[in-house]
Amino acid sequence: MPGDRKAPTPGRRKILAVVALLALVMLAFAVGRMVGPQALKPLASRPDYGELRKELADHLKTLPGTYGVYFKDLASGEEFGINERVPIPPASAIKLPVVLYLYEQVAKGELDWNDRVRYRKSTDYQDGAGDLQFTARDGDTYSLRCLATISMVISDNIAHNMLVRHLGYDNVMNFIRRLGPDTTRPFGSASTTARDMGAFLEELIDFASREPEQGARLLNDLAHTVYHVGLPGKLPPKLVVSHKEGSINGVATDVGIVFSRRPYILVVLSKGIPDEDTGFRNIAEISRIVYNYQQRLPAATVPGLPQI
């Protein structure tokens, strides 16, 4: 009778468990044979940025002027460009590789942040961005730390000129050409490409991974510049964007690293624009499009990238 059935012995329970496990294995194998091996592969770890590139390309067609764009997802290494090899003046964005070269020399022990550089008005003076044009007197000296900081934070033109002279024009250009072969001179009216500027940013990230303290200082300066309307212009206010803007007549540029939940490099160079304000509004919109696309992807961390 049903009420008289005895419970399975421990040995019998083990046998039943083994049989059930074998049945599950055989079922999984059978399902795999039916649906095919592709269905059992893990999800792709590299995003497809074809859709984003097309959206940006279509948007750029509606804008006056010429735009060069370079993008790199730091988590996967995926990258793309639009007019990324078109020559465009860098404006003050060229100050980034010059200061980066200085940081690398200090890290090697070739220079010291306390070294002082004497201002020579005949060779260093330049109006435009910065305060030294109003305060510096011929013969005044400034530490390398001071010149590097104001070159980044307030984009001081005189500080930049003093650094190029002190570091040596040829030394600076050798560094620049090693990374960005299409960049012609270390000055804003020269010619560069979005791809070259992207290479300078990649070198900055590599430097920060080798020299975390020094790298974090430079990234921090770039995240707290007085000019903050291009790449970060339409992004969340508290989002960290380490970037360098620049503008001259008919040109607006911004190059940087966006520390979003999925960090990335973005370079936007423009020429033939009607005015500076229009150029930076367009850069901000391009940046917003890229940011929104990245936000739809899984969050990712980048080993070695400092937290700013």
C-alpha atoms as a PDB file:
ATOM      1  CA  MET A   1       0.000   0.000   0.000  1.00  0.00           C
ATOM      2  CA  PRO A   2       1.175   3.567  -0.608  1.00  0.00           C
ATOM      3  CA  GLY A   3       1.373   4.294   3.095  1.00  0.00           C
ATOM      4  CA  ASP A   4       3.748   1.336   3.589  1.00  0.00           C
ATOM      5  CA  ARG A   5       6.413   2.630   1.030  1.00  0.00           C
ATOM      6  CA  LYS A   6       9.854   2.989   2.653  1.00  0.00           C
ATOM      7  CA  ALA A   7      12.053   6.107   2.188  1.00  0.00           C
ATOM      8  CA  PRO A   8      15.005   5.595  -0.200  1.00  0.00           C
ATOM      9  CA  THR A   9      18.221   4.524   1.454  1.00  0.00           C
ATOM     10  CA  PRO A  10      21.247   6.916   1.365  1.00  0.00           C
ATOM     11  CA  GLY A  11      22.893   4.803  -1.315  1.00  0.00           C
ATOM     12  CA  ARG A  12      19.786   4.872  -3.487  1.00  0.00           C
ATOM     13  CA  ARG A  13      19.548   8.688  -3.114  1.00  0.00           C
ATOM     14  CA  LYS A  14      23.120   9.073  -4.412  1.00  0.00           C
ATOM     15  CA  ILE A  15      22.317   6.902  -7.425  1.00  0.00           C
ATOM     16  CA  LEU A  16      19.210   8.973  -8.205  1.00  0.00           C
ATOM     17  CA  ALA A  17      21.209  12.222  -7.938  1.00  0.00           C
ATOM     18  CA  VAL A  18      23.857  10.948 -10.376  1.00  0.00           C
ATOM     19  CA  VAL A  19      21.178   9.815 -12.836  1.00  0.00           C
ATOM     20  CA  ALA A  20      19.475  13.235 -12.655  1.00  0.00           C
ATOM     21  CA  LEU A  21      22.781  15.035 -13.264  1.00  0.00           C
ATOM     22  CA  LEU A  22      23.566  12.868 -16.284  1.00  0.00           C
ATOM     23  CA  ALA A  23      20.095  13.557 -17.649  1.00  0.00           C
ATOM     24  CA  LEU A  24      20.680  17.347 -17.364  1.00  0.00           C
ATOM     25  CA  VAL A  25      24.032  17.073 -19.150  1.00  0.00           C
ATOM     26  CA  MET A  26      22.491  15.065 -21.987  1.00  0.00           C
ATOM     27  CA  LEU A  27      19.616  17.568 -22.253  1.00  0.00           C
ATOM     28  CA  ALA A  28      22.030  20.524 -22.493  1.00  0.00           C
ATOM     29  CA  PHE A  29      24.005  18.697 -25.184  1.00  0.00           C
ATOM     30  CA  ALA A  30      20.851  17.948 -27.149  1.00  0.00           C
ATOM     31  CA  VAL A  31      19.692  21.577 -26.948  1.00  0.00           C
ATOM     32  CA  GLY A  32      23.090  22.754 -28.138  1.00  0.00           C
ATOM     33  CA  ARG A  33      22.903  20.421 -31.146  1.00  0.00           C
ATOM     34  CA  MET A  34      19.410  21.699 -32.004  1.00  0.00           C
ATOM     35  CA  VAL A  35      19.975  25.461 -31.700  1.00  0.00           C
ATOM     36  CA  GLY A  36      23.531  25.493 -32.979  1.00  0.00           C
ATOM     37  CA  PRO A  37      26.807  26.643 -31.434  1.00  0.00           C
ATOM     38  CA  GLN A  38      26.278  30.353 -32.174  1.00  0.00           C
ATOM     39  CA  ALA A  39      23.419  30.554 -29.680  1.00  0.00           C
ATOM     40  CA  LEU A  40      25.687  29.345 -26.866  1.00  0.00           C
ATOM     41  CA  LYS A  41      28.469  31.913 -27.415  1.00  0.00           C
ATOM     42  CA  PRO A  42      28.882  34.759 -24.894  1.00  0.00           C
ATOM     43  CA  LEU A  43      27.734  38.253 -25.817  1.00  0.00           C
ATOM     44  CA  ALA A  44      30.246  40.288 -27.825  1.00  0.00           C
ATOM     45  CA  SER A  45      32.610  42.313 -25.608  1.00  0.00           C
ATOM     46  CA  ARG A  46      33.378  44.859 -28.351  1.00  0.00           C
ATOM     47  CA  PRO A  47      30.593  47.309 -29.140  1.00  0.00           C
ATOM     48  CA  ASP A  48      29.700  48.055 -32.745  1.00  0.00           C
ATOM     49  CA  TYR A  49      30.063  51.812 -33.230  1.00  0.00           C
ATOM     50  CA  GLY A  50      28.787  51.847 -36.803  1.00  0.00           C
ATOM     51  CA  GLU A  51      25.465  53.325 -35.696  1.00  0.00           C
ATOM     52  CA  LEU A  52      27.137  56.120 -33.714  1.00  0.00           C
ATOM     53  CA  ARG A  53      29.489  56.952 -36.564  1.00  0.00           C
ATOM     54  CA  LYS A  54      26.579  57.214 -38.988  1.00  0.00           C
ATOM     55  CA  GLU A  55      24.611  59.432 -36.606  1.00  0.00           C
ATOM     56  CA  LEU A  56      27.568  61.762 -36.229  1.00  0.00           C
ATOM     57  CA  ALA A  57      28.316  61.810 -39.955  1.00  0.00           C
ATOM     58  CA  ASP A  58      24.703  62.712 -40.737  1.00  0.00           C
ATOM     59  CA  HIS A  59      24.766  65.445 -38.093  1.00  0.00           C
ATOM     60  CA  LEU A  60      28.026  66.933 -39.372  1.00  0.00           C
ATOM     61  CA  LYS A  61      26.509  67.308 -42.843  1.00  0.00           C
ATOM     62  CA  THR A  62      24.051  69.828 -41.387  1.00  0.00           C
ATOM     63  CA  LEU A  63      26.782  72.052 -39.898  1.00  0.00           C
ATOM     64  CA  PRO A  64      28.719  74.859 -41.587  1.00  0.00           C
ATOM     65  CA  GLY A  65      32.453  74.343 -41.815  1.00  0.00           C
ATOM     66  CA  THR A  66      34.633  71.240 -41.714  1.00  0.00           C
ATOM     67  CA  TYR A  67      34.826  68.937 -38.702  1.00  0.00           C
ATOM     68  CA  GLY A  68      37.403  66.317 -37.833  1.00  0.00           C
ATOM     69  CA  VAL A  69      36.328  63.769 -35.215  1.00  0.00           C
ATOM     70  CA  TYR A  70      38.185  60.969 -33.480  1.00  0.00           C
ATOM     71  CA  PHE A  71      36.632  58.634 -30.883  1.00  0.00           C
ATOM     72  CA  LYS A  72      38.034  55.765 -28.831  1.00  0.00           C
ATOM     73  CA  ASP A  73      36.235  53.617 -26.270  1.00  0.00           C
ATOM     74  CA  LEU A  74      38.842  53.019 -23.575  1.00  0.00           C
ATOM     75  CA  ALA A  75      37.243  49.815 -22.299  1.00  0.00           C
ATOM     76  CA  SER A  76      37.217  47.877 -25.573  1.00  0.00           C
ATOM     77  CA  GLY A  77      39.759  49.794 -27.651  1.00  0.00           C
ATOM     78  CA  GLU A  78      37.205  50.279 -30.415  1.00  0.00           C
ATOM     79  CA  GLU A  79      37.772  53.509 -32.346  1.00  0.00           C
ATOM     80  CA  PHE A  80      36.587  55.418 -35.382  1.00  0.00           C
ATOM     81  CA  GLY A  81      37.086  58.740 -37.079  1.00  0.00           C
ATOM     82  CA  ILE A  82      35.334  61.146 -39.414  1.00  0.00           C
ATOM     83  CA  ASN A  83      37.669  63.382 -41.411  1.00  0.00           C
ATOM     84  CA  GLU A  84      40.222  62.345 -38.806  1.00  0.00           C
ATOM     85  CA  ARG A  85      43.123  62.911 -41.235  1.00  0.00           C
ATOM     86  CA  VAL A  86      41.952  66.311 -42.526  1.00  0.00           C
ATOM     87  CA  PRO A  87      44.451  69.067 -41.586  1.00  0.00           C
ATOM     88  CA  ILE A  88      42.931  71.601 -39.166  1.00  0.00           C
ATOM     89  CA  PRO A  89      44.662  74.199 -36.956  1.00  0.00           C
ATOM     90  CA  PRO A  90      44.794  72.966 -33.347  1.00  0.00           C
ATOM     91  CA  ALA A  91      44.531  76.428 -31.745  1.00  0.00           C
ATOM     92  CA  SER A  92      45.284  76.144 -28.004  1.00  0.00           C
ATOM     93  CA  ALA A  93      44.722  72.374 -27.984  1.00  0.00           C
ATOM     94  CA  ILE A  94      48.384  72.158 -29.098  1.00  0.00           C
ATOM     95  CA  LYS A  95      49.371  73.170 -25.569  1.00  0.00           C
ATOM     96  CA  LEU A  96      48.451  69.681 -24.353  1.00  0.00           C
ATOM     97  CA  PRO A  97      51.319  67.731 -25.994  1.00  0.00           C
ATOM     98  CA  VAL A  98      53.828  70.435 -25.019  1.00  0.00           C
ATOM     99  CA  VAL A  99      52.878  70.248 -21.335  1.00  0.00           C
ATOM    100  CA  LEU A 100      52.707  66.452 -21.530  1.00  0.00           C
ATOM    101  CA  TYR A 101      56.282  66.422 -22.830  1.00  0.00           C
ATOM    102  CA  LEU A 102      57.285  68.596 -19.871  1.00  0.00           C
ATOM    103  CA  TYR A 103      55.616  66.175 -17.449  1.00  0.00           C
ATOM    104  CA  GLU A 104      57.488  63.261 -18.986  1.00  0.00           C
ATOM    105  CA  GLN A 105      60.810  65.092 -18.649  1.00  0.00           C
ATOM    106  CA  VAL A 106      60.120  65.837 -14.987  1.00  0.00           C
ATOM    107  CA  ALA A 107      59.114  62.214 -14.365  1.00  0.00           C
ATOM    108  CA  LYS A 108      62.441  61.078 -15.880  1.00  0.00           C
ATOM    109  CA  GLY A 109      64.373  63.443 -13.633  1.00  0.00           C
ATOM    110  CA  GLU A 110      65.607  65.559 -16.536  1.00  0.00           C
ATOM    111  CA  LEU A 111      63.818  68.652 -15.198  1.00  0.00           C
ATOM    112  CA  ASP A 112      62.436  69.796 -11.864  1.00  0.00           C
ATOM    113  CA  TRP A 113      59.138  71.560 -11.175  1.00  0.00           C
ATOM    114  CA  ASN A 114      61.071  74.195  -9.224  1.00  0.00           C
ATOM    115  CA  ASP A 115      63.267  75.116 -12.209  1.00  0.00           C
ATOM    116  CA  ARG A 116      62.588  78.710 -13.186  1.00  0.00           C
ATOM    117  CA  VAL A 117      62.310  80.232 -16.663  1.00  0.00           C
ATOM    118  CA  ARG A 118      63.056  83.871 -17.402  1.00  0.00           C
ATOM    119  CA  TYR A 119      60.505  85.821 -19.445  1.00  0.00           C
ATOM    120  CA  ARG A 120      61.845  87.362 -22.650  1.00  0.00           C
ATOM    121  CA  LYS A 121      59.322  89.779 -24.026  1.00  0.00           C
ATOM    122  CA  SER A 122      60.989  89.923 -27.442  1.00  0.00           C
ATOM    123  CA  THR A 123      60.411  86.207 -28.059  1.00  0.00           C
ATOM    124  CA  ASP A 124      57.669  85.139 -25.649  1.00  0.00           C
ATOM    125  CA  TYR A 125      55.023  87.864 -25.782  1.00  0.00           C
ATOM    126  CA  GLN A 126      51.660  87.021 -27.323  1.00  0.00           C
ATOM    127  CA  ASP A 127      48.264  88.536 -26.681  1.00  0.00           C
ATOM    128  CA  GLY A 128      45.027  86.582 -26.530  1.00  0.00           C
ATOM    129  CA  ALA A 129      44.473  84.060 -23.750  1.00  0.00           C
ATOM    130  CA  GLY A 130      46.185  84.312 -20.382  1.00  0.00           C
ATOM    131  CA  ASP A 131      47.242  86.814 -17.719  1.00  0.00           C
ATOM    132  CA  LEU A 132      51.009  87.037 -18.209  1.00  0.00           C
ATOM    133  CA  GLN A 133      50.486  89.488 -21.069  1.00  0.00           C
ATOM    134  CA  PHE A 134      49.303  91.964 -18.422  1.00  0.00           C
ATOM    135  CA  THR A 135      51.516  91.064 -15.460  1.00  0.00           C
ATOM    136  CA  ALA A 136      54.845  89.734 -16.727  1.00  0.00           C
ATOM    137  CA  ARG A 137      57.794  92.118 -16.885  1.00  0.00           C
ATOM    138  CA  ASP A 138      60.864  91.484 -18.983  1.00  0.00           C
ATOM    139  CA  GLY A 139      63.225  89.380 -16.868  1.00  0.00           C
ATOM    140  CA  ASP A 140      60.614  87.981 -14.476  1.00  0.00           C
ATOM    141  CA  THR A 141      61.035  84.288 -13.697  1.00  0.00           C
ATOM    142  CA  TYR A 142      58.385  81.587 -13.303  1.00  0.00           C
ATOM    143  CA  SER A 143      58.630  77.976 -12.127  1.00  0.00           C
ATOM    144  CA  LEU A 144      57.932  75.147 -14.533  1.00  0.00           C
ATOM    145  CA  ARG A 145      55.029  74.137 -12.294  1.00  0.00           C
ATOM    146  CA  CYS A 146      53.491  77.595 -12.643  1.00  0.00           C
ATOM    147  CA  LEU A 147      53.956  77.714 -16.412  1.00  0.00           C
ATOM    148  CA  ALA A 148      52.507  74.213 -16.894  1.00  0.00           C
ATOM    149  CA  THR A 149      49.486  74.968 -14.723  1.00  0.00           C
ATOM    150  CA  ILE A 150      48.512  78.284 -16.284  1.00  0.00           C
ATOM    151  CA  SER A 151      49.168  76.913 -19.767  1.00  0.00           C
ATOM    152  CA  MET A 152      46.464  74.314 -19.114  1.00  0.00           C
ATOM    153  CA  VAL A 153      44.037  75.990 -16.724  1.00  0.00           C
ATOM    154  CA  ILE A 154      43.827  79.474 -18.269  1.00  0.00           C
ATOM    155  CA  SER A 155      45.481  78.616 -21.613  1.00  0.00           C
ATOM    156  CA  ASP A 156      48.168  81.276 -21.151  1.00  0.00           C
ATOM    157  CA  ASN A 157      49.862  81.921 -24.490  1.00  0.00           C
ATOM    158  CA  ILE A 158      53.020  83.446 -23.014  1.00  0.00           C
ATOM    159  CA  ALA A 159      53.467  80.516 -20.635  1.00  0.00           C
ATOM    160  CA  HIS A 160      53.191  78.165 -23.618  1.00  0.00           C
ATOM    161  CA  ASN A 161      55.794  80.109 -25.601  1.00  0.00           C
ATOM    162  CA  MET A 162      58.168  80.120 -22.637  1.00  0.00           C
ATOM    163  CA  LEU A 163      57.807  76.352 -22.261  1.00  0.00           C
ATOM    164  CA  VAL A 164      58.510  75.667 -25.941  1.00  0.00           C
ATOM    165  CA  ARG A 165      61.624  77.854 -25.754  1.00  0.00           C
ATOM    166  CA  HIS A 166      62.859  76.292 -22.503  1.00  0.00           C
ATOM    167  CA  LEU A 167      62.189  72.708 -23.564  1.00  0.00           C
ATOM    168  CA  GLY A 168      63.714  73.299 -26.979  1.00  0.00           C
ATOM    169  CA  TYR A 169      61.700  73.566 -30.182  1.00  0.00           C
ATOM    170  CA  ASP A 170      63.367  70.516 -31.744  1.00  0.00           C
ATOM    171  CA  ASN A 171      62.862  68.400 -28.623  1.00  0.00           C
ATOM    172  CA  VAL A 172      59.182  69.325 -28.495  1.00  0.00           C
ATOM    173  CA  MET A 173      58.707  68.588 -32.186  1.00  0.00           C
ATOM    174  CA  ASN A 174      60.478  65.230 -31.937  1.00  0.00           C
ATOM    175  CA  PHE A 175      58.043  64.250 -29.187  1.00  0.00           C
ATOM    176  CA  ILE A 176      55.042  65.526 -31.142  1.00  0.00           C
ATOM    177  CA  ARG A 177      56.041  63.854 -34.424  1.00  0.00           C
ATOM    178  CA  ARG A 178      56.647  60.520 -32.705  1.00  0.00           C
ATOM    179  CA  LEU A 179      52.985  60.485 -31.713  1.00  0.00           C
ATOM    180  CA  GLY A 180      51.313  62.729 -34.285  1.00  0.00           C
ATOM    181  CA  PRO A 181      53.231  62.774 -37.559  1.00  0.00           C
ATOM    182  CA  ASP A 182      50.774  65.134 -39.276  1.00  0.00           C
ATOM    183  CA  THR A 183      51.224  67.938 -36.720  1.00  0.00           C
ATOM    184  CA  THR A 184      53.452  70.602 -38.258  1.00  0.00           C
ATOM    185  CA  ARG A 185      54.440  72.960 -35.389  1.00  0.00           C
ATOM    186  CA  PRO A 186      53.800  73.361 -31.639  1.00  0.00           C
ATOM    187  CA  PHE A 187      51.694  76.471 -32.132  1.00  0.00           C
ATOM    188  CA  GLY A 188      47.984  77.105 -32.543  1.00  0.00           C
ATOM    189  CA  SER A 189      48.120  78.376 -36.124  1.00  0.00           C
ATOM    190  CA  ALA A 190      49.903  75.246 -37.317  1.00  0.00           C
ATOM    191  CA  SER A 191      48.201  72.144 -38.692  1.00  0.00           C
ATOM    192  CA  THR A 192      47.180  68.928 -36.992  1.00  0.00           C
ATOM    193  CA  THR A 193      44.533  66.223 -37.339  1.00  0.00           C
ATOM    194  CA  ALA A 194      41.919  64.724 -35.061  1.00  0.00           C
ATOM    195  CA  ARG A 195      43.825  61.439 -35.179  1.00  0.00           C
ATOM    196  CA  ASP A 196      47.041  63.096 -34.032  1.00  0.00           C
ATOM    197  CA  MET A 197      45.271  64.799 -31.144  1.00  0.00           C
ATOM    198  CA  GLY A 198      43.792  61.447 -30.180  1.00  0.00           C
ATOM    199  CA  ALA A 199      47.311  59.998 -30.084  1.00  0.00           C
ATOM    200  CA  PHE A 200      48.401  62.732 -27.654  1.00  0.00           C
ATOM    201  CA  LEU A 201      45.498  61.841 -25.378  1.00  0.00           C
ATOM    202  CA  GLU A 202      46.399  58.151 -25.551  1.00  0.00           C
ATOM    203  CA  GLU A 203      49.948  59.059 -24.535  1.00  0.00           C
ATOM    204  CA  LEU A 204      48.537  61.049 -21.611  1.00  0.00           C
ATOM    205  CA  ILE A 205      46.589  57.992 -20.441  1.00  0.00           C
ATOM    206  CA  ASP A 206      49.673  55.809 -20.825  1.00  0.00           C
ATOM    207  CA  PHE A 207      51.743  58.349 -18.869  1.00  0.00           C
ATOM    208  CA  ALA A 208      49.123  58.451 -16.106  1.00  0.00           C
ATOM    209  CA  SER A 209      49.242  54.664 -15.800  1.00  0.00           C
ATOM    210  CA  ARG A 210      53.059  54.774 -15.472  1.00  0.00           C
ATOM    211  CA  GLU A 211      53.173  57.848 -13.236  1.00  0.00           C
ATOM    212  CA  PRO A 212      49.829  57.916 -11.362  1.00  0.00           C
ATOM    213  CA  GLU A 213      50.591  60.925  -9.164  1.00  0.00           C
ATOM    214  CA  GLN A 214      51.953  63.117 -11.933  1.00  0.00           C
ATOM    215  CA  GLY A 215      49.353  61.932 -14.429  1.00  0.00           C
ATOM    216  CA  ALA A 216      46.494  62.603 -12.042  1.00  0.00           C
ATOM    217  CA  ARG A 217      47.788  66.149 -11.508  1.00  0.00           C
ATOM    218  CA  LEU A 218      47.727  66.900 -15.243  1.00  0.00           C
ATOM    219  CA  LEU A 219      44.320  65.284 -15.727  1.00  0.00           C
ATOM    220  CA  ASN A 220      43.044  67.300 -12.785  1.00  0.00           C
ATOM    221  CA  ASP A 221      44.290  70.571 -14.272  1.00  0.00           C
ATOM    222  CA  LEU A 222      42.577  69.691 -17.559  1.00  0.00           C
ATOM    223  CA  ALA A 223      39.347  68.960 -15.692  1.00  0.00           C
ATOM    224  CA  HIS A 224      39.325  72.410 -14.081  1.00  0.00           C
ATOM    225  CA  THR A 225      40.057  74.823 -16.909  1.00  0.00           C
ATOM    226  CA  VAL A 226      38.374  78.209 -17.132  1.00  0.00           C
ATOM    227  CA  TYR A 227      37.172  77.313 -20.642  1.00  0.00           C
ATOM    228  CA  HIS A 228      34.560  74.587 -20.186  1.00  0.00           C
ATOM    229  CA  VAL A 229      31.963  74.949 -22.948  1.00  0.00           C
ATOM    230  CA  GLY A 230      33.016  72.483 -25.647  1.00  0.00           C
ATOM    231  CA  LEU A 231      33.064  68.769 -24.827  1.00  0.00           C
ATOM    232  CA  PRO A 232      31.453  69.228 -21.382  1.00  0.00           C
ATOM    233  CA  GLY A 233      29.019  71.914 -22.520  1.00  0.00           C
ATOM    234  CA  LYS A 234      25.928  69.681 -22.677  1.00  0.00           C
ATOM    235  CA  LEU A 235      27.040  66.901 -20.339  1.00  0.00           C
ATOM    236  CA  PRO A 236      26.048  66.433 -16.684  1.00  0.00           C
ATOM    237  CA  PRO A 237      27.682  69.225 -14.632  1.00  0.00           C
ATOM    238  CA  LYS A 238      29.464  66.887 -12.208  1.00  0.00           C
ATOM    239  CA  LEU A 239      30.856  64.598 -14.887  1.00  0.00           C
ATOM    240  CA  VAL A 240      34.655  64.824 -15.020  1.00  0.00           C
ATOM    241  CA  VAL A 241      35.987  65.816 -18.450  1.00  0.00           C
ATOM    242  CA  SER A 242      39.747  66.372 -18.767  1.00  0.00           C
ATOM    243  CA  HIS A 243      40.045  68.443 -21.913  1.00  0.00           C
ATOM    244  CA  LYS A 244      41.773  71.308 -23.715  1.00  0.00           C
ATOM    245  CA  GLU A 245      39.820  73.803 -25.771  1.00  0.00           C
ATOM    246  CA  GLY A 246      41.193  76.199 -28.341  1.00  0.00           C
ATOM    247  CA  SER A 247      39.999  78.829 -30.772  1.00  0.00           C
ATOM    248  CA  ILE A 248      41.380  81.210 -33.370  1.00  0.00           C
ATOM    249  CA  ASN A 249      39.649  82.983 -36.226  1.00  0.00           C
ATOM    250  CA  GLY A 250      37.332  80.476 -37.938  1.00  0.00           C
ATOM    251  CA  VAL A 251      38.520  77.594 -35.747  1.00  0.00           C
ATOM    252  CA  ALA A 252      37.167  75.917 -32.590  1.00  0.00           C
ATOM    253  CA  THR A 253      38.710  72.772 -31.109  1.00  0.00           C
ATOM    254  CA  ASP A 254      38.322  70.578 -28.056  1.00  0.00           C
ATOM    255  CA  VAL A 255      40.139  67.357 -27.202  1.00  0.00           C
ATOM    256  CA  GLY A 256      39.695  65.290 -24.076  1.00  0.00           C
ATOM    257  CA  ILE A 257      38.906  62.262 -21.981  1.00  0.00           C
ATOM    258  CA  VAL A 258      35.370  61.805 -20.675  1.00  0.00           C
ATOM    259  CA  PHE A 259      35.282  59.904 -17.367  1.00  0.00           C
ATOM    260  CA  SER A 260      31.766  58.548 -17.777  1.00  0.00           C
ATOM    261  CA  ARG A 261      30.569  55.118 -16.621  1.00  0.00           C
ATOM    262  CA  ARG A 262      32.297  53.919 -19.784  1.00  0.00           C
ATOM    263  CA  PRO A 263      35.327  56.254 -20.306  1.00  0.00           C
ATOM    264  CA  TYR A 264      36.335  57.404 -23.767  1.00  0.00           C
ATOM    265  CA  ILE A 265      38.499  59.775 -25.782  1.00  0.00           C
ATOM    266  CA  LEU A 266      36.804  62.368 -27.963  1.00  0.00           C
ATOM    267  CA  VAL A 267      38.460  64.879 -30.283  1.00  0.00           C
ATOM    268  CA  VAL A 268      36.491  67.466 -32.247  1.00  0.00           C
ATOM    269  CA  LEU A 269      38.335  69.941 -34.472  1.00  0.00           C
ATOM    270  CA  SER A 270      36.539  72.464 -36.680  1.00  0.00           C
ATOM    271  CA  LYS A 271      37.503  75.047 -39.267  1.00  0.00           C
ATOM    272  CA  GLY A 272      35.537  77.370 -41.520  1.00  0.00           C
ATOM    273  CA  ILE A 273      33.008  78.043 -38.775  1.00  0.00           C
ATOM    274  CA  PRO A 274      31.060  81.329 -38.736  1.00  0.00           C
ATOM    275  CA  ASP A 275      32.160  82.266 -35.185  1.00  0.00           C
ATOM    276  CA  GLU A 276      33.665  80.817 -32.010  1.00  0.00           C
ATOM    277  CA  ASP A 277      30.384  80.520 -30.098  1.00  0.00           C
ATOM    278  CA  THR A 278      28.765  78.557 -32.928  1.00  0.00           C
ATOM    279  CA  GLY A 279      31.783  76.282 -33.118  1.00  0.00           C
ATOM    280  CA  PHE A 280      31.708  75.395 -29.441  1.00  0.00           C
ATOM    281  CA  ARG A 281      27.926  74.911 -29.443  1.00  0.00           C
ATOM    282  CA  ASN A 282      28.369  72.420 -32.266  1.00  0.00           C
ATOM    283  CA  ILE A 283      31.200  70.670 -30.428  1.00  0.00           C
ATOM    284  CA  ALA A 284      28.985  70.428 -27.332  1.00  0.00           C
ATOM    285  CA  GLU A 285      26.193  68.837 -29.365  1.00  0.00           C
ATOM    286  CA  ILE A 286      28.574  66.329 -30.952  1.00  0.00           C
ATOM    287  CA  SER A 287      29.832  65.486 -27.475  1.00  0.00           C
ATOM    288  CA  ARG A 288      26.262  65.019 -26.212  1.00  0.00           C
ATOM    289  CA  ILE A 289      25.476  62.554 -29.007  1.00  0.00           C
ATOM    290  CA  VAL A 290      28.552  60.474 -28.163  1.00  0.00           C
ATOM    291  CA  TYR A 291      27.882  60.562 -24.427  1.00  0.00           C
ATOM    292  CA  ASN A 292      24.274  59.423 -24.834  1.00  0.00           C
ATOM    293  CA  TYR A 293      25.381  56.501 -26.995  1.00  0.00           C
ATOM    294  CA  GLN A 294      28.008  55.453 -24.445  1.00  0.00           C
ATOM    295  CA  GLN A 295      25.438  55.601 -21.660  1.00  0.00           C
ATOM    296  CA  ARG A 296      23.374  52.935 -23.413  1.00  0.00           C
ATOM    297  CA  LEU A 297      26.291  50.485 -23.269  1.00  0.00           C
ATOM    298  CA  PRO A 298      27.333  48.420 -20.230  1.00  0.00           C
ATOM    299  CA  ALA A 299      29.466  50.261 -17.696  1.00  0.00           C
ATOM    300  CA  ALA A 300      33.167  49.391 -17.815  1.00  0.00           C
ATOM    301  CA  THR A 301      36.336  50.156 -15.908  1.00  0.00           C
ATOM    302  CA  VAL A 302      39.721  50.863 -17.460  1.00  0.00           C
ATOM    303  CA  PRO A 303      42.709  49.421 -15.546  1.00  0.00           C
ATOM    304  CA  GLY A 304      45.368  52.041 -14.863  1.00  0.00           C
ATOM    305  CA  LEU A 305      43.137  55.022 -15.561  1.00  0.00           C
ATOM    306  CA  PRO A 306      43.326  57.392 -12.547  1.00  0.00           C
ATOM    307  CA  GLN A 307      40.141  58.421 -10.791  1.00  0.00           C
ATOM    308  CA  ILE A 308      39.905  62.211 -11.000  1.00  0.00           C
END
